[in-house]
Protein backbone atom coordinates (compact mmCIF):
# COMPACT_ATOMS: atom_id res chain seq x y z
CA MET A 1 132.98 34.75 76.16
CA THR A 2 133.84 34.85 72.47
CA THR A 3 137.04 36.29 71.03
CA THR A 4 136.42 39.32 68.82
CA HIS A 5 140.00 40.64 68.59
CA LEU A 6 142.99 38.38 67.89
CA LEU A 7 146.66 39.36 68.04
CA TYR A 8 149.32 37.10 66.50
CA LEU A 9 152.99 37.56 67.47
CA HIS A 10 155.72 36.01 65.34
CA GLY A 11 159.07 34.70 66.52
CA PHE A 12 162.68 35.86 66.36
CA ARG A 13 163.82 36.64 62.80
CA SER A 14 160.29 35.87 61.62
CA SER A 15 157.53 38.06 60.22
CA PRO A 16 153.80 38.23 59.46
CA GLN A 17 154.73 36.14 56.39
CA SER A 18 155.46 33.07 58.52
CA ASN A 19 153.59 29.91 57.66
CA LYS A 20 151.63 29.84 60.94
CA ALA A 21 150.71 33.54 60.72
CA ARG A 22 149.41 33.14 57.16
CA ILE A 23 147.52 29.92 57.98
CA LEU A 24 145.84 31.49 61.00
CA ALA A 25 145.09 34.74 59.12
CA ASP A 26 143.48 32.78 56.27
CA TYR A 27 141.49 30.66 58.72
CA VAL A 28 140.23 33.65 60.68
CA GLY A 29 139.40 35.51 57.47
CA SER A 30 137.41 32.63 55.99
CA GLN A 31 135.78 31.21 59.14
CA HIS A 32 135.50 34.23 61.45
CA SER A 33 135.34 37.37 59.33
CA ARG A 34 133.99 39.41 62.26
CA VAL A 35 137.16 38.85 64.28
CA ARG A 36 139.59 41.75 64.16
CA TRP A 37 143.00 40.31 63.23
CA TRP A 38 146.36 41.99 63.78
CA CYS A 39 149.80 40.53 63.13
CA PRO A 40 152.40 43.31 63.32
CA GLN A 41 156.00 43.16 62.15
CA LEU A 42 157.80 43.26 65.48
CA PRO A 43 160.97 45.33 65.81
CA PRO A 44 164.08 43.55 67.13
CA SER A 45 164.04 45.58 70.36
CA PRO A 46 161.76 43.87 72.91
CA ARG A 47 161.05 47.28 74.49
CA GLU A 48 159.97 48.68 71.13
CA ALA A 49 157.98 45.52 70.35
CA ALA A 50 156.14 45.86 73.67
CA ALA A 51 155.40 49.54 73.00
CA LEU A 52 154.06 48.73 69.52
CA ILE A 53 151.82 46.01 70.93
CA VAL A 54 150.52 48.18 73.77
CA GLU A 55 149.67 50.97 71.33
CA GLY A 56 148.05 48.57 68.87
CA ILE A 57 145.73 46.94 71.41
CA ALA A 58 145.00 50.09 73.44
CA SER A 59 141.40 50.32 72.24
CA TRP A 60 140.72 46.56 72.17
CA PRO A 61 138.13 45.16 74.59
CA ARG A 62 140.12 43.17 77.15
CA GLU A 63 137.26 40.77 77.89
CA THR A 64 137.00 39.62 74.25
CA MET A 65 140.58 39.78 73.00
CA ALA A 66 143.14 36.97 72.80
CA VAL A 67 146.75 36.55 71.77
CA VAL A 68 148.61 33.80 69.91
CA GLY A 69 152.40 33.71 69.75
CA SER A 70 155.04 31.43 68.32
CA SER A 71 158.56 30.95 69.71
CA LEU A 72 159.72 34.42 70.88
CA GLY A 73 156.19 35.56 70.04
CA GLY A 74 154.97 33.01 72.59
CA TYR A 75 157.12 34.67 75.23
CA TYR A 76 155.61 38.02 74.26
CA ALA A 77 152.12 36.47 74.23
CA SER A 78 152.53 35.43 77.88
CA TRP A 79 153.41 39.02 78.71
CA VAL A 80 150.43 40.39 76.74
CA ALA A 81 148.10 37.91 78.46
CA GLN A 82 149.24 39.21 81.85
CA LEU A 83 148.89 42.82 80.76
CA ALA A 84 145.46 42.42 79.15
CA ARG A 85 144.25 39.53 81.33
CA CYS A 86 143.22 37.70 78.17
CA LYS A 87 143.32 34.15 76.80
CA SER A 88 146.57 33.10 75.14
CA VAL A 89 147.89 30.36 72.90
CA MET A 90 151.63 29.73 72.77
CA ILE A 91 153.19 27.65 69.99
CA ASN A 92 156.60 26.16 70.85
CA PRO A 93 157.18 29.22 73.06
CA ALA A 94 160.54 30.59 74.07
CA VAL A 95 160.80 30.12 77.83
CA ASN A 96 164.06 31.95 78.56
CA PRO A 97 164.97 34.03 75.50
CA ALA A 98 167.30 36.27 77.52
CA ARG A 99 169.48 33.18 77.94
CA ASP A 100 168.92 31.66 74.51
CA LEU A 101 169.34 34.76 72.36
CA GLU A 102 172.61 35.97 73.90
CA ARG A 103 174.41 33.97 71.22
CA CYS A 104 172.47 35.89 68.55
CA ILE A 105 173.83 39.34 69.40
CA GLY A 106 174.99 40.91 66.16
CA GLU A 107 173.83 41.12 62.56
CA GLN A 108 170.79 38.95 61.74
CA THR A 109 168.57 38.44 58.71
CA GLN A 110 164.87 37.70 58.46
CA TRP A 111 163.86 34.12 57.65
CA HIS A 112 161.30 35.13 55.05
CA ASP A 113 163.39 37.82 53.41
CA PRO A 114 167.16 37.32 53.79
CA ASP A 115 167.72 40.70 52.14
CA VAL A 116 166.26 42.34 55.26
CA SER A 117 168.80 42.51 58.05
CA PHE A 118 168.80 43.94 61.56
CA PHE A 119 171.22 44.20 64.45
CA PHE A 120 170.32 42.35 67.65
CA ARG A 121 171.88 44.54 70.34
CA PRO A 122 173.28 43.46 73.74
CA GLU A 123 170.80 45.71 75.58
CA TYR A 124 167.92 43.68 74.12
CA ILE A 125 168.79 40.88 76.55
CA ASP A 126 167.88 43.11 79.53
CA GLU A 127 164.77 44.27 77.68
CA LEU A 128 163.71 40.61 77.36
CA ARG A 129 164.22 40.07 81.09
CA GLN A 130 161.86 42.96 81.83
CA LEU A 131 159.03 41.12 80.03
CA ASP A 132 159.51 37.82 81.92
CA THR A 133 156.28 36.50 83.45
CA ARG A 134 157.50 33.08 84.60
CA ALA A 135 157.01 33.92 88.29
CA LEU A 136 153.40 35.01 87.79
CA THR A 137 150.23 32.93 87.97
CA PRO A 138 148.37 33.04 84.65
CA ALA A 139 145.90 35.92 84.46
CA ALA A 140 143.60 34.03 82.08
CA PRO A 141 143.30 30.59 80.45
CA GLU A 142 146.34 29.43 78.48
CA MET A 143 146.89 26.83 75.78
CA VAL A 144 150.32 25.65 74.66
CA LEU A 145 151.20 23.61 71.57
CA ILE A 146 154.52 21.81 71.99
CA ALA A 147 156.47 19.61 69.56
CA GLU A 148 158.67 17.01 71.26
CA ASN A 149 161.20 17.16 68.42
CA ASP A 150 161.56 20.93 68.45
CA GLU A 151 165.08 21.42 67.14
CA VAL A 152 165.45 24.94 68.59
CA LEU A 153 163.89 24.84 72.07
CA ASP A 154 163.59 22.14 74.76
CA TRP A 155 160.01 20.84 74.82
CA ARG A 156 160.36 19.82 78.49
CA GLU A 157 161.15 23.42 79.48
CA MET A 158 158.05 24.56 77.62
CA SER A 159 155.88 21.99 79.34
CA GLU A 160 157.27 22.86 82.79
CA ARG A 161 156.83 26.60 82.12
CA TYR A 162 153.08 26.24 81.51
CA PRO A 163 151.79 23.85 84.21
CA HIS A 164 148.34 25.49 84.32
CA ALA A 165 147.87 25.56 80.55
CA LEU A 166 145.90 23.22 78.35
CA GLN A 167 148.91 21.41 76.90
CA ILE A 168 148.94 19.65 73.56
CA VAL A 169 152.24 17.85 73.18
CA GLN A 170 152.90 16.48 69.72
CA GLU A 171 155.09 13.43 69.36
CA GLY A 172 157.73 14.36 66.84
CA GLY A 173 157.04 17.62 65.07
CA ASP A 174 159.41 20.53 64.69
CA HIS A 175 159.92 24.10 65.88
CA ALA A 176 157.93 25.50 62.96
CA LEU A 177 155.02 23.17 63.85
CA SER A 178 154.71 22.39 60.16
CA ASN A 179 151.36 20.68 60.68
CA PHE A 180 149.80 23.69 62.45
CA GLU A 181 146.65 23.36 60.31
CA GLU A 182 145.77 20.20 62.22
CA TYR A 183 145.42 22.25 65.41
CA LEU A 184 143.24 25.08 64.07
CA THR A 185 140.00 23.56 65.31
CA ARG A 186 141.41 23.09 68.83
CA VAL A 187 142.73 26.67 68.87
CA ASP A 188 139.37 27.94 67.57
CA GLU A 189 137.45 26.05 70.26
CA PHE A 190 139.80 27.23 73.01
CA LEU A 191 139.57 30.87 71.95
CA ALA A 192 135.85 30.68 71.05
CA LEU A 193 136.43 32.85 67.98
CA ALA A 194 133.39 34.99 67.14
């Protein structure tokens, strides 16, 4: 089954202007122009992010959609994949953001535009817990790209979190997966982009 609709979810403090989002958008646009692409700016509230995603994919065909997510977006992608029962690709995914982002409560700025700030509220931690799918068996095929030298998240936790996934573990690398372009063909083949 080919993928006709592709959702990309960025990470914490990130945006649709992230390097990986732009690289994948350019690739899909030039190589798979029939694929419907959507990369929304996610609000800081996980509950609001989930509502935005649900509304945005409401009319998408579940059997031919897929989701890609990076970091916190990878955590969200696992949730979307359960909800839609669709293929998913996680890039250096957050495994336990409720734990990891507690230290980030307070004023934050976006990576790509430091003039844009937001407040990460304490209640967002419980909202993250409500989207946790770690106890569930994958609803559809998964792929995970993991960098061993991720400076933000523990690569071993990522690997253990996705035992059923096609795992590509990069020696070295970084959280941003700066060489993401090298993996586009593998992602394309896994998703069978239309």
